[in-house]
Structure formats: C-alpha cells, structure tokens
Amino acid sequence: MRAGRIIGAALVAAAALGAAAPAEAQTLRVRLNADIRSTDPGVNRDANTDAVVLHMVEGLVAFREDASVGPLLAESMVVSEDGRTYTFRLRENVRFHNGALLTSQDVAWTWRRYMTPETRWRCLTEFDGRGAAKLAGIETPDARTVVFRFESPSALIPATMARPDCGGSAILHRDSVGPDGAWIAPIGTGPFRMGEWRRGQSVELIRFDAYAARSEPRDGFTGGKRAEVERVRFLVIPDQAAGKAALLSGAIDVLTDIASSDLAELRARAEIRLDVAATMGLNTLLIQTKDPLLGDVRIRRALALALDLPALVQAVSEGTARYNASAIPVSSAFHTAPHAQGYTRDLAAARRLLAEAGYRGQTIRMLANRRYASMFDAAVLAQAMAQEAGIRIELEVLDWATQLDRYTRGDYQMMSFGYSARLDPSLSYEMFSGPKATQPRKVWDDAEALALLRESMVTTDTARRRAIFETLHRKMLEEVPLINLYNGAEIAAMRANVSGYRGWPAGHPRLWGVRVD
C-alpha cells in the first residue's frame, strides 16, 4: 500500500504540473530524483543542481564531447609562453537574461565573487593556491578582453574552469545578488532562464529568446545550444518506480539515469526510446584512512581482497559496465594496460592479513543512500562478500544530503559513493586526493602521490603524464584509500515523440536541441 501511495501521489503531482495539453505542447518534462540544492553555480551543489543550473549559465570555456576544452563565452583564448597569462576575447553581442550585454567587467566581477571565501564556491581551493593554480589578478583592458594572471603555470587551468562541479565557472550579471551580496537567482547567458522553483516539487526553465548561440554543432557543453522548446520543467519524483510509471503514463517526457534493471522492460515498449551512453563518472567505496581501525593498510587490503569485484559490478550495473580499478575512465586515452590491473578475490589472503593486523571482528560502518540504487546495491553486496572473509560491516543508510555532508566533513569509516565525471586524468585523481587537514573530503593523503599529481597538472608532455598516472595507479592499489568499482552508463528513456536527446561522457543531461513533436 505504501509503495502504491507513493507512486500514485507522484503521478498526481506530475500530472498537475505537467500533463500534456495544447498549451503545454512546448514544455519538456524531465524527472529529477531529488530537488536541487540551490541555483548558485558551483555553490551548495550536487549533480542534480549542476544539471539544472548549467542550462542557464555559461563560462568562458567548456568541455567538448572528446573531453578537450573549447571556447564558450570566449571567442578565443591565448596562453603566454610561460603559461601564466590567459587572455580571453569575448564574443560579441552576448546578452544576459536581463538584456544587458556581456562585458569584461562582468567576468571580473564574477571571478571576484568566486574568489571571496564567503561565497563558498566549491572550486575556490583550485584557484587560491591550494589546488591547480593561484590567481594573481584579472585585468580588463577593454570591454571584450579579459586577462587572467596566475602565479605559476598549470596545464589544468582551462579544464578546471570548465568543470561542471565548479558551475562551469559561470559568468553572472551582478544583479544575481542583492545589495548585501546575498544570492537571489542566476542571471546568466544560457539558452534557458530561471522560471519558477517550487521547492520539493519542480524547477521550471524558460527559453531565452535573445540567446546568442555559437555557430558550431552541439559539442558537449559548448557548440551551438538552441532551445527547441519553450519550457523545460524538472519534476521532483524521488521514487524510481514512480519515475518510470510517470514516463509510461506520459506524465513526463524524459527519464534520465534509469535503473539498469528496467532496461529489458523499457526496450520492449514501442512508445519508449532509449539512449545509452558510457560515462566517465566513478562508482567507488571510500575508506577513511584516518580511522583508528582502517588506518591499518592490512585491513584495507583485506577488504579489497574479500570482494569479488567483477561479479559485484556485473550485478549492480546489470551488465552495462565492467570492473575498473583505476581512477581513469576506461574510455580515456590515458587508460593504458597497467590501469587494467586491479584486485582479484582471495579470501585466504584476506584472512591472513586480518590476522596479522589483529582484527577481532570489530564493526565497520559503511554509509549508503537509497537515492542512487547503484550505491546502495554496491554497499549491500560488499557487506555480504566481506562477511565471507570474517569482516563485519554494518550499513548506515542516510538521505543523500546528509551523506554528502558527512563526506564533505570526512565523517565516516566507509562509504559507498559516486563521483561525477572528471574529463582530465589529473582531475580524476584530484577529486579524491589531497590534504585532509585542509580538505577533509579528500580520501588519499599521501605526500609522494600528491607530488606526482602536482607534476601531472603542470607538465604538458603526454608521455610523462601517462607514466605519472600509471605510477599513481600502482601506488593506489598498494595503499587502498578507496576501492574503485566501475564507470557507469547513463541510460535515458524518453517518449517516442521526443527527439534530439543524446547522452555523453560527462553524464549531465543536455536539453538544448531537444524537441517534443
């Protein structure tokens, strides 16, 4: 009865907010499994927030389909010979949603706001000297030219600017905040502008008719972005079964991130089309190496050897993914033969390591959530497999917001977790590597590994970078700060009258270029 009430309530709400009708013919309705956290790019964000906000805002550069970085608001980017000065020439006649023309002053104002600690921009540490680079200053010699000066060179500056979890370093109009600096709403340059946000129910975006599209074809987060519908309405439907029911009933048009277990049923439906795209996201089991028990590398290795990781991945992904022990996605050109080396289950070796470490059956608590079925299922399977080696794991199931907060504070022993795509291999390692003292969310705090990672971020020599990543992978397998599982597939289902939707390795839905016929 309870499941029936949940599904029924979700369908009633979805129908009330977005049922098909002539007046709604140009509304594209898309399911969100949870509400967004804010509308401030790269601030108080998660994957859902990024997915919605990046339809409204744009940065100077963005990722292309092939994971390279291309211009977006910039017409061109010139890097000085010493790698410390980046000069961006802005495109002409780009307007914000309030009608104001984009100028270099808007870029400078936005970046000053990002670099103010009170803003709490996720990627402040990447540009204040703690991460990829240290921004020394921004100059605006004319209305269309912006000069960024950094204290030292870094090969990752453009890629970091483009990161979706940084909000794409989106350029905002200053009217996005009030006189006191408090956030109001995004006034960006994207193909859609902010409509009504009914918290816990829906987020509506409205086509920006004065949008200045690039002339190239759609290409990742850059290229031509043309809004083909008048409105996009994201409907909050937390329950996966309710989301599928809403799609089948016609209450929504697109269901992203569907469960792999639903593939067979949806393939058999003539009114449904599927899009399956490999992603560069990473599903993993995080281990708190500062924990008194798990600080012993022998116990961490025993955990890794206790798990039948290929079987776990096969079961969790319904065969849509394969085990990848590396931080570098299988689809990356940097995923070389050494990255194919991982852990092979060996219960006898696991038990020997546990005995050497003096493990006596102490409980290890693993955090998980039910919003993302793959994370929960991976935790359940890992718990059962570890038990066969004598390792006692208890699951603590939290809502996603609470788990994310615990992750940020480093407050856990183990955690079933997922990282969104990082399209540069240095960033693939950076997402979990760093000093815990200043960035407690980081998992791998090893001086030698961090030195190698820093080198990979500076050198532009491809062969040297490849060698660094191979060394990092071997070292990570030895130290076991986490147990990587797989790069997933983004599976989207849509009504047959929806055209133009296409997934890509970054995994974020892109609803420009999508039509409802």
Protein backbone atom coordinates (compact mmCIF):
# COMPACT_ATOMS: atom_id res chain seq x y z
CA MET A 1 0.00 0.00 0.00
CA ARG A 2 2.78 2.42 0.90
CA ALA A 3 4.54 2.00 -2.47
CA GLY A 4 1.22 2.41 -4.25
CA ARG A 5 0.53 5.65 -2.41
CA ILE A 6 4.00 6.98 -3.29
CA ILE A 7 3.61 6.19 -6.96
CA GLY A 8 0.05 7.48 -7.07
CA ALA A 9 0.97 10.73 -5.34
CA ALA A 10 3.92 11.26 -7.66
CA LEU A 11 1.78 10.71 -10.73
CA VAL A 12 -0.91 13.07 -9.48
CA ALA A 13 1.70 15.73 -8.80
CA ALA A 14 3.40 15.17 -12.15
CA ALA A 15 0.09 15.32 -13.97
CA ALA A 16 -0.90 18.51 -12.18
CA LEU A 17 2.40 20.16 -13.01
CA GLY A 18 2.97 18.88 -16.50
CA ALA A 19 0.13 16.87 -18.04
CA ALA A 20 0.02 17.01 -21.81
CA ALA A 21 -2.29 19.72 -23.14
CA PRO A 22 -2.24 22.03 -26.18
CA ALA A 23 -0.99 24.99 -24.13
CA GLU A 24 1.85 22.82 -22.83
CA ALA A 25 2.89 21.40 -26.20
CA GLN A 26 6.29 23.10 -25.99
CA THR A 27 7.06 22.03 -22.42
CA LEU A 28 9.63 19.29 -22.00
CA ARG A 29 9.07 17.47 -18.69
CA VAL A 30 12.05 15.74 -17.09
CA ARG A 31 12.29 13.80 -13.85
CA LEU A 32 14.67 14.75 -11.03
CA ASN A 33 15.22 12.16 -8.31
CA ALA A 34 15.64 14.93 -5.73
CA ASP A 35 15.32 18.67 -5.54
CA ILE A 36 18.24 20.91 -6.38
CA ARG A 37 20.23 22.40 -3.51
CA SER A 38 20.46 25.97 -4.85
CA THR A 39 20.68 27.95 -8.08
CA ASP A 40 24.12 29.44 -7.34
CA PRO A 41 26.64 27.86 -9.78
CA GLY A 42 29.25 25.76 -8.02
CA VAL A 43 27.94 26.75 -4.58
CA ASN A 44 25.89 24.39 -2.37
CA ARG A 45 25.63 21.98 -5.28
CA ASP A 46 25.28 18.35 -6.20
CA ALA A 47 24.87 16.55 -9.54
CA ASN A 48 21.17 17.47 -9.86
CA THR A 49 21.94 21.11 -9.14
CA ASP A 50 24.68 21.17 -11.76
CA ALA A 51 22.41 19.54 -14.33
CA VAL A 52 19.72 22.21 -13.93
CA VAL A 53 21.89 25.28 -13.43
CA LEU A 54 24.15 24.62 -16.42
CA HIS A 55 21.16 25.14 -18.72
CA MET A 56 21.05 28.77 -17.53
CA VAL A 57 24.66 29.82 -17.13
CA GLU A 58 27.87 29.59 -19.14
CA GLY A 59 31.58 30.09 -18.58
CA LEU A 60 34.38 31.32 -20.77
CA VAL A 61 35.21 27.74 -21.79
CA ALA A 62 33.52 24.34 -21.61
CA PHE A 63 34.18 20.68 -22.24
CA ARG A 64 33.67 19.22 -25.70
CA GLU A 65 32.45 15.66 -26.37
CA ASP A 66 36.04 14.37 -26.58
CA ALA A 67 36.92 15.82 -23.16
CA SER A 68 39.01 18.62 -24.64
CA VAL A 69 38.25 22.20 -23.62
CA GLY A 70 36.75 24.61 -26.13
CA PRO A 71 35.59 28.23 -26.07
CA LEU A 72 32.06 29.11 -24.97
CA LEU A 73 31.59 32.76 -24.00
CA ALA A 74 35.14 33.34 -25.18
CA GLU A 75 35.79 33.85 -28.86
CA SER A 76 39.43 32.92 -28.33
CA MET A 77 41.95 32.05 -25.62
CA VAL A 78 45.65 32.89 -25.89
CA VAL A 79 48.17 31.48 -23.39
CA SER A 80 51.52 33.19 -22.83
CA GLU A 81 54.77 31.30 -23.42
CA ASP A 82 55.41 30.98 -19.70
CA GLY A 83 51.91 29.54 -19.16
CA ARG A 84 50.98 32.12 -16.55
CA THR A 85 48.79 34.55 -18.55
CA TYR A 86 45.49 33.66 -20.22
CA THR A 87 43.90 36.27 -22.45
CA PHE A 88 40.25 35.73 -23.38
CA ARG A 89 38.49 37.65 -26.13
CA LEU A 90 34.72 37.67 -25.50
CA ARG A 91 32.17 37.02 -28.23
CA GLU A 92 30.19 39.98 -29.47
CA ASN A 93 26.53 40.64 -28.73
CA VAL A 94 26.13 38.09 -25.96
CA ARG A 95 23.36 39.16 -23.59
CA PHE A 96 22.39 38.24 -20.08
CA HIS A 97 18.85 37.18 -19.29
CA ASN A 98 18.07 40.74 -18.15
CA GLY A 99 19.09 42.12 -21.55
CA ALA A 100 22.46 43.55 -20.50
CA LEU A 101 25.43 42.99 -22.82
CA LEU A 102 28.22 40.74 -21.56
CA THR A 103 31.44 42.69 -20.95
CA SER A 104 34.85 42.04 -19.44
CA GLN A 105 33.70 43.85 -16.30
CA ASP A 106 31.08 41.14 -15.73
CA VAL A 107 33.78 38.49 -15.95
CA ALA A 108 35.96 40.35 -13.45
CA TRP A 109 33.04 40.92 -11.05
CA THR A 110 32.01 37.25 -11.20
CA TRP A 111 35.51 36.00 -10.51
CA ARG A 112 36.00 38.42 -7.63
CA ARG A 113 32.84 36.95 -6.12
CA TYR A 114 34.08 33.38 -6.66
CA MET A 115 37.41 34.20 -5.05
CA THR A 116 35.75 35.66 -1.94
CA PRO A 117 35.73 32.91 0.71
CA GLU A 118 32.29 33.99 1.96
CA THR A 119 30.80 32.88 -1.38
CA ARG A 120 31.81 29.29 -0.55
CA TRP A 121 32.50 28.43 -4.19
CA ARG A 122 33.38 24.76 -4.42
CA CYS A 123 36.42 25.45 -6.58
CA LEU A 124 37.96 28.32 -4.63
CA THR A 125 40.72 25.99 -3.48
CA GLU A 126 41.61 25.27 -7.12
CA PHE A 127 42.48 28.92 -7.76
CA ASP A 128 43.75 30.27 -4.43
CA GLY A 129 46.98 28.30 -4.39
CA ARG A 130 45.75 25.18 -2.64
CA GLY A 131 44.85 23.39 -5.86
CA ALA A 132 45.61 23.68 -9.57
CA ALA A 133 46.73 27.32 -9.62
CA LYS A 134 46.87 30.62 -7.78
CA LEU A 135 45.07 33.52 -9.45
CA ALA A 136 47.20 36.63 -9.06
CA GLY A 137 44.89 39.11 -10.78
CA ILE A 138 42.38 39.89 -13.51
CA GLU A 139 42.70 42.80 -15.93
CA THR A 140 40.09 44.24 -18.30
CA PRO A 141 41.94 46.34 -20.91
CA ASP A 142 38.75 46.79 -22.92
CA ALA A 143 35.11 45.72 -22.91
CA ARG A 144 35.79 42.44 -24.71
CA THR A 145 39.20 41.44 -23.34
CA VAL A 146 39.90 39.72 -20.02
CA VAL A 147 43.41 38.84 -18.85
CA PHE A 148 43.91 36.26 -16.09
CA ARG A 149 47.33 36.23 -14.46
CA PHE A 150 48.48 33.25 -12.41
CA GLU A 151 51.50 32.94 -10.14
CA SER A 152 52.69 29.73 -11.81
CA PRO A 153 51.79 27.71 -14.90
CA SER A 154 49.30 24.84 -14.78
CA ALA A 155 48.11 22.59 -17.58
CA LEU A 156 44.76 22.28 -15.80
CA ILE A 157 43.59 25.88 -15.71
CA PRO A 158 41.17 25.63 -18.68
CA ALA A 159 39.88 22.19 -17.61
CA THR A 160 39.27 23.40 -14.06
CA MET A 161 37.39 26.46 -15.33
CA ALA A 162 35.21 24.10 -17.37
CA ARG A 163 34.39 21.64 -14.58
CA PRO A 164 30.63 21.12 -14.13
CA ASP A 165 31.03 20.81 -10.36
CA CYS A 166 32.60 24.30 -10.45
CA GLY A 167 29.41 25.50 -12.12
CA GLY A 168 31.46 25.83 -15.29
CA SER A 169 32.92 28.97 -13.64
CA ALA A 170 29.78 30.59 -14.99
CA ILE A 171 29.80 34.32 -15.71
CA LEU A 172 26.94 36.08 -13.96
CA HIS A 173 25.35 39.51 -14.04
CA ARG A 174 25.79 41.34 -10.76
CA ASP A 175 22.01 41.59 -10.36
CA SER A 176 22.13 37.88 -9.49
CA VAL A 177 22.86 39.07 -5.96
CA GLY A 178 21.26 41.74 -3.79
CA PRO A 179 22.87 44.94 -2.45
CA ASP A 180 24.12 42.96 0.54
CA GLY A 181 25.75 40.34 -1.69
CA ALA A 182 23.15 37.68 -0.85
CA TRP A 183 22.27 35.33 -3.68
CA ILE A 184 18.92 35.93 -5.45
CA ALA A 185 18.77 33.96 -8.72
CA PRO A 186 21.03 33.25 -11.70
CA ILE A 187 21.10 35.92 -14.38
CA GLY A 188 23.27 34.15 -16.90
CA THR A 189 23.74 33.88 -20.65
CA GLY A 190 22.44 30.33 -21.25
CA PRO A 191 19.72 29.14 -23.62
CA PHE A 192 17.22 28.95 -20.75
CA ARG A 193 16.48 31.41 -17.93
CA MET A 194 15.12 30.82 -14.48
CA GLY A 195 11.39 30.27 -14.15
CA GLU A 196 9.53 29.12 -11.05
CA TRP A 197 11.16 26.90 -8.44
CA ARG A 198 8.58 25.09 -6.35
CA ARG A 199 10.80 23.62 -3.69
CA GLY A 200 10.41 19.89 -3.39
CA GLN A 201 8.14 19.80 -6.44
CA SER A 202 9.57 21.27 -9.63
CA VAL A 203 12.02 23.64 -11.28
CA GLU A 204 10.93 25.39 -14.47
CA LEU A 205 13.26 26.94 -17.03
CA ILE A 206 12.07 29.29 -19.78
CA ARG A 207 13.61 29.65 -23.22
CA PHE A 208 15.78 32.76 -23.52
CA ASP A 209 14.77 34.15 -26.90
CA ALA A 210 17.72 36.56 -27.10
CA TYR A 211 20.25 33.75 -26.60
CA ALA A 212 23.39 34.11 -28.72
CA ALA A 213 24.18 30.59 -29.89
CA ARG A 214 27.58 29.59 -31.21
CA SER A 215 27.66 28.64 -34.87
CA GLU A 216 29.23 25.19 -34.42
CA PRO A 217 27.20 22.00 -33.91
CA ARG A 218 26.37 20.98 -30.34
CA ASP A 219 29.54 19.67 -28.76
CA GLY A 220 29.50 18.67 -25.10
CA PHE A 221 28.73 21.78 -23.07
CA THR A 222 29.82 24.08 -25.89
CA GLY A 223 28.95 24.45 -29.57
CA GLY A 224 25.51 25.51 -30.69
CA LYS A 225 22.91 25.42 -27.91
CA ARG A 226 19.47 26.07 -29.34
CA ALA A 227 16.44 25.75 -27.11
CA GLU A 228 13.84 23.90 -29.18
CA VAL A 229 11.09 24.02 -26.54
CA GLU A 230 9.55 26.96 -24.77
CA ARG A 231 9.96 25.50 -21.31
CA VAL A 232 11.78 22.71 -19.51
CA ARG A 233 10.12 21.53 -16.33
CA PHE A 234 12.12 19.34 -13.96
CA LEU A 235 9.71 17.35 -11.78
CA VAL A 236 10.93 16.06 -8.43
CA ILE A 237 9.95 12.38 -8.23
CA PRO A 238 12.23 10.68 -5.68
CA ASP A 239 10.97 7.13 -6.10
CA GLN A 240 12.49 5.30 -9.09
CA ALA A 241 9.38 3.20 -9.69
CA ALA A 242 7.23 6.34 -9.60
CA GLY A 243 9.52 7.96 -12.16
CA LYS A 244 9.16 5.02 -14.51
CA ALA A 245 5.39 4.99 -14.03
CA ALA A 246 5.27 8.71 -14.84
CA LEU A 247 7.17 8.10 -18.08
CA LEU A 248 4.97 5.22 -19.14
CA SER A 249 1.80 7.19 -18.40
CA GLY A 250 3.02 10.23 -20.37
CA ALA A 251 3.21 12.48 -17.29
CA ILE A 252 6.88 13.11 -18.07
CA ASP A 253 8.78 13.06 -21.36
CA VAL A 254 12.33 12.15 -20.32
CA LEU A 255 13.60 9.92 -17.54
CA THR A 256 17.36 10.19 -17.08
CA ASP A 257 19.55 7.86 -15.07
CA ILE A 258 17.13 4.95 -15.21
CA ALA A 259 17.90 1.78 -13.33
CA SER A 260 19.67 -0.82 -15.46
CA SER A 261 17.18 -3.38 -14.14
CA ASP A 262 14.46 -1.57 -16.11
CA LEU A 263 16.25 -1.87 -19.46
CA ALA A 264 14.55 -5.03 -20.69
CA GLU A 265 11.04 -3.78 -19.91
CA LEU A 266 11.56 -0.37 -21.48
CA ARG A 267 13.18 -1.80 -24.62
CA ALA A 268 10.01 -3.79 -25.21
CA ARG A 269 7.80 -0.65 -25.18
CA ALA A 270 7.05 0.80 -28.62
CA GLU A 271 6.20 4.21 -27.13
CA ILE A 272 9.60 4.48 -25.42
CA ARG A 273 13.03 5.23 -26.88
CA LEU A 274 16.33 4.60 -25.07
CA ASP A 275 19.69 6.34 -25.12
CA VAL A 276 22.65 4.53 -23.52
CA ALA A 277 25.92 6.43 -23.22
CA ALA A 278 29.14 5.43 -21.46
CA THR A 279 30.16 7.98 -18.85
CA MET A 280 33.33 8.99 -17.04
CA GLY A 281 31.68 9.02 -13.62
CA LEU A 282 33.11 6.70 -10.98
CA ASN A 283 31.35 4.43 -8.50
CA THR A 284 33.59 3.57 -5.58
CA LEU A 285 33.90 2.52 -1.94
CA LEU A 286 35.65 5.21 0.11
CA ILE A 287 37.77 4.30 3.13
CA GLN A 288 38.66 6.72 5.92
CA THR A 289 42.39 6.15 6.37
CA LYS A 290 42.44 8.36 9.48
CA ASP A 291 40.10 5.93 11.24
CA PRO A 292 41.85 4.05 14.10
CA LEU A 293 40.84 0.68 12.64
CA LEU A 294 41.04 1.37 8.91
CA GLY A 295 44.28 3.29 9.28
CA ASP A 296 45.94 -0.15 9.12
CA VAL A 297 46.64 -0.79 5.43
CA ARG A 298 46.45 -4.54 6.03
CA ILE A 299 42.77 -4.26 6.91
CA ARG A 300 42.13 -2.08 3.86
CA ARG A 301 43.87 -4.64 1.63
CA ALA A 302 41.89 -7.44 3.23
CA LEU A 303 38.71 -5.58 2.39
CA ALA A 304 39.73 -5.28 -1.25
CA LEU A 305 40.70 -8.96 -1.46
CA ALA A 306 37.45 -10.06 0.18
CA LEU A 307 35.32 -8.64 -2.64
CA ASP A 308 34.54 -10.33 -5.94
CA LEU A 309 34.61 -7.01 -7.75
CA PRO A 310 33.78 -8.15 -11.32
CA ALA A 311 30.74 -10.04 -10.00
CA LEU A 312 29.69 -7.07 -7.86
CA VAL A 313 29.88 -4.71 -10.85
CA GLN A 314 28.03 -7.16 -13.11
CA ALA A 315 25.20 -7.42 -10.58
CA VAL A 316 24.94 -3.71 -9.74
CA SER A 317 25.11 -2.48 -13.35
CA GLU A 318 23.01 -5.27 -14.89
CA GLY A 319 25.88 -5.90 -17.29
CA THR A 320 26.08 -2.34 -18.62
CA ALA A 321 29.54 -1.76 -17.07
CA ARG A 322 32.70 -3.67 -16.24
CA TYR A 323 35.06 -3.54 -13.28
CA ASN A 324 37.57 -0.69 -13.44
CA ALA A 325 40.06 -0.46 -10.58
CA SER A 326 41.51 2.77 -11.94
CA ALA A 327 40.52 6.36 -11.28
CA ILE A 328 40.92 6.95 -15.02
CA PRO A 329 37.82 6.01 -17.02
CA VAL A 330 38.04 3.05 -19.36
CA SER A 331 37.12 5.31 -22.30
CA SER A 332 40.05 7.68 -21.65
CA ALA A 333 43.12 7.66 -23.88
CA PHE A 334 45.15 7.63 -20.65
CA HIS A 335 43.66 4.31 -19.54
CA THR A 336 46.63 2.15 -20.54
CA ALA A 337 47.39 -1.53 -19.85
CA PRO A 338 48.64 -1.00 -16.25
CA HIS A 339 45.27 0.55 -15.37
CA ALA A 340 43.60 -2.77 -16.17
CA GLN A 341 45.31 -4.27 -13.10
CA GLY A 342 43.01 -4.48 -10.09
CA TYR A 343 42.18 -6.65 -7.11
CA THR A 344 41.47 -10.37 -7.51
CA ARG A 345 39.40 -12.02 -4.81
CA ASP A 346 41.49 -14.10 -2.42
CA LEU A 347 39.68 -14.96 0.81
CA ALA A 348 42.63 -16.86 2.28
CA ALA A 349 44.96 -13.89 1.77
CA ALA A 350 42.33 -11.57 3.23
CA ARG A 351 42.04 -13.69 6.36
CA ARG A 352 45.84 -13.79 6.76
CA LEU A 353 46.06 -10.00 6.57
CA LEU A 354 43.27 -9.62 9.11
CA ALA A 355 45.04 -11.98 11.50
CA GLU A 356 48.32 -10.09 11.10
CA ALA A 357 46.52 -6.83 11.84
CA GLY A 358 44.89 -8.28 14.97
CA TYR A 359 41.37 -7.79 13.63
CA ARG A 360 38.86 -9.35 16.03
CA GLY A 361 35.56 -8.73 14.29
CA GLN A 362 35.19 -5.04 15.10
CA THR A 363 32.27 -3.47 13.27
CA ILE A 364 32.96 -1.24 10.28
CA ARG A 365 30.13 1.14 9.46
CA MET A 366 29.52 1.85 5.78
CA LEU A 367 27.34 4.79 4.72
CA ALA A 368 24.93 4.44 1.79
CA ASN A 369 21.76 6.04 0.46
CA ARG A 370 18.68 4.94 -1.46
CA ARG A 371 18.50 7.86 -3.88
CA TYR A 372 21.14 6.19 -6.04
CA ALA A 373 20.26 2.50 -6.26
CA SER A 374 23.71 1.57 -7.54
CA MET A 375 25.38 2.96 -4.41
CA PHE A 376 23.01 1.13 -2.11
CA ASP A 377 23.25 -2.15 -4.03
CA ALA A 378 27.05 -1.97 -4.09
CA ALA A 379 27.09 -1.49 -0.30
CA VAL A 380 24.79 -4.46 0.28
CA LEU A 381 26.86 -6.76 -1.93
CA ALA A 382 30.14 -5.57 -0.40
CA GLN A 383 28.74 -6.24 3.07
CA ALA A 384 27.81 -9.82 2.15
CA MET A 385 31.10 -10.57 0.39
CA ALA A 386 33.22 -9.13 3.21
CA GLN A 387 31.38 -11.31 5.71
CA GLU A 388 32.79 -14.39 3.97
CA ALA A 389 36.28 -13.23 4.97
CA GLY A 390 35.14 -12.53 8.54
CA ILE A 391 34.85 -8.76 8.12
CA ARG A 392 31.82 -7.33 9.86
CA ILE A 393 30.21 -4.39 8.05
CA GLU A 394 27.04 -2.64 9.17
CA LEU A 395 25.22 -0.33 6.79
CA GLU A 396 24.04 3.12 7.83
CA VAL A 397 21.51 4.32 5.26
CA LEU A 398 21.17 8.12 5.11
CA ASP A 399 19.36 10.59 2.92
CA TRP A 400 21.65 11.89 0.19
CA ALA A 401 22.06 15.40 1.61
CA THR A 402 23.20 14.02 4.96
CA GLN A 403 25.59 11.57 3.35
CA LEU A 404 27.06 14.35 1.22
CA ASP A 405 27.59 16.45 4.34
CA ARG A 406 29.31 13.54 6.09
CA TYR A 407 31.51 13.05 3.01
CA THR A 408 32.49 16.73 2.97
CA ARG A 409 33.48 16.56 6.65
CA GLY A 410 35.28 13.21 6.29
CA ASP A 411 32.97 11.83 8.98
CA TYR A 412 32.72 8.11 8.16
CA GLN A 413 34.62 4.81 8.19
CA MET A 414 33.49 3.57 4.78
CA MET A 415 31.08 4.95 2.25
CA SER A 416 29.53 3.76 -1.00
CA PHE A 417 29.88 6.85 -3.16
CA GLY A 418 29.89 8.15 -6.70
CA TYR A 419 31.88 10.91 -8.38
CA SER A 420 30.61 12.79 -11.38
CA ALA A 421 32.78 12.80 -14.49
CA ARG A 422 36.19 14.44 -14.43
CA LEU A 423 37.30 14.75 -18.03
CA ASP A 424 41.03 15.21 -17.41
CA PRO A 425 43.02 12.36 -15.80
CA SER A 426 44.72 14.70 -13.34
CA LEU A 427 41.28 15.77 -12.17
CA SER A 428 40.21 12.12 -11.95
CA TYR A 429 42.87 11.66 -9.25
CA GLU A 430 42.44 15.12 -7.77
CA MET A 431 38.79 14.51 -6.93
CA PHE A 432 39.81 12.20 -4.09
CA SER A 433 43.47 13.14 -3.47
CA GLY A 434 44.61 15.98 -1.23
CA PRO A 435 45.50 17.09 2.28
CA LYS A 436 42.85 16.01 4.76
CA ALA A 437 43.82 18.76 7.18
CA THR A 438 42.51 21.47 4.87
CA GLN A 439 40.21 19.40 2.64
CA PRO A 440 38.68 16.68 4.83
CA ARG A 441 36.58 15.35 1.95
CA LYS A 442 39.76 14.05 0.29
CA VAL A 443 40.43 10.33 0.64
CA TRP A 444 44.08 9.87 -0.38
CA ASP A 445 46.54 11.98 1.58
CA ASP A 446 49.98 10.68 0.57
CA ALA A 447 52.91 13.07 0.08
CA GLU A 448 54.51 11.16 -2.80
CA ALA A 449 51.21 10.72 -4.62
CA LEU A 450 50.34 14.40 -4.21
CA ALA A 451 53.75 15.43 -5.57
CA LEU A 452 53.22 13.25 -8.65
CA LEU A 453 49.74 14.64 -9.07
CA ARG A 454 51.05 18.20 -8.93
CA GLU A 455 53.60 17.35 -11.63
CA SER A 456 50.86 15.90 -13.84
CA MET A 457 48.99 19.18 -13.56
CA VAL A 458 51.94 21.24 -14.79
CA THR A 459 53.62 19.16 -17.47
CA THR A 460 52.11 19.14 -20.94
CA ASP A 461 54.24 16.19 -22.11
CA THR A 462 51.76 13.40 -22.86
CA ALA A 463 54.23 10.56 -22.35
CA ARG A 464 55.30 11.92 -18.98
CA ARG A 465 51.70 12.39 -17.88
CA ARG A 466 50.88 8.82 -18.92
CA ALA A 467 53.80 7.48 -16.87
CA ILE A 468 52.72 9.51 -13.84
CA PHE A 469 49.19 8.12 -13.97
CA GLU A 470 50.47 4.55 -14.26
CA THR A 471 52.64 5.08 -11.17
CA LEU A 472 49.72 6.61 -9.28
CA HIS A 473 47.53 3.63 -10.13
CA ARG A 474 50.05 1.09 -8.85
CA LYS A 475 50.58 3.11 -5.67
CA MET A 476 46.84 3.46 -5.09
CA LEU A 477 46.36 -0.31 -5.38
CA GLU A 478 49.03 -0.78 -2.68
CA GLU A 479 47.65 1.81 -0.25
CA VAL A 480 43.90 1.18 -0.79
CA PRO A 481 42.48 4.58 0.18
CA LEU A 482 39.40 3.55 -1.79
CA ILE A 483 38.16 0.58 -3.82
CA ASN A 484 37.10 1.69 -7.28
CA LEU A 485 34.27 -0.26 -8.90
CA TYR A 486 33.26 0.97 -12.35
CA ASN A 487 32.44 3.79 -14.73
CA GLY A 488 28.74 3.72 -15.28
CA ALA A 489 26.45 4.13 -18.22
CA GLU A 490 23.96 6.98 -18.44
CA ILE A 491 20.71 5.39 -19.54
CA ALA A 492 17.91 7.73 -20.51
CA ALA A 493 14.42 6.79 -21.59
CA MET A 494 12.04 9.12 -23.40
CA ARG A 495 8.68 9.18 -25.07
CA ALA A 496 8.77 8.36 -28.78
CA ASN A 497 7.78 11.94 -29.69
CA VAL A 498 10.97 13.32 -28.12
CA SER A 499 13.89 13.81 -30.49
CA GLY A 500 17.39 15.23 -30.23
CA TYR A 501 18.34 13.88 -26.80
CA ARG A 502 21.82 12.40 -26.66
CA GLY A 503 23.95 11.36 -23.70
CA TRP A 504 27.71 11.98 -23.48
CA PRO A 505 30.69 11.01 -21.28
CA ALA A 506 30.20 13.85 -18.77
CA GLY A 507 26.87 12.25 -17.86
CA HIS A 508 24.92 15.50 -17.45
CA PRO A 509 21.63 15.77 -19.38
CA ARG A 510 21.61 18.46 -22.08
CA LEU A 511 18.13 19.64 -23.02
CA TRP A 512 19.05 22.18 -25.67
CA GLY A 513 18.49 20.76 -29.14
CA VAL A 514 15.70 18.52 -27.80
CA ARG A 515 12.24 18.68 -29.37
CA VAL A 516 8.78 17.47 -28.40
CA ASP A 517 6.77 16.71 -31.56
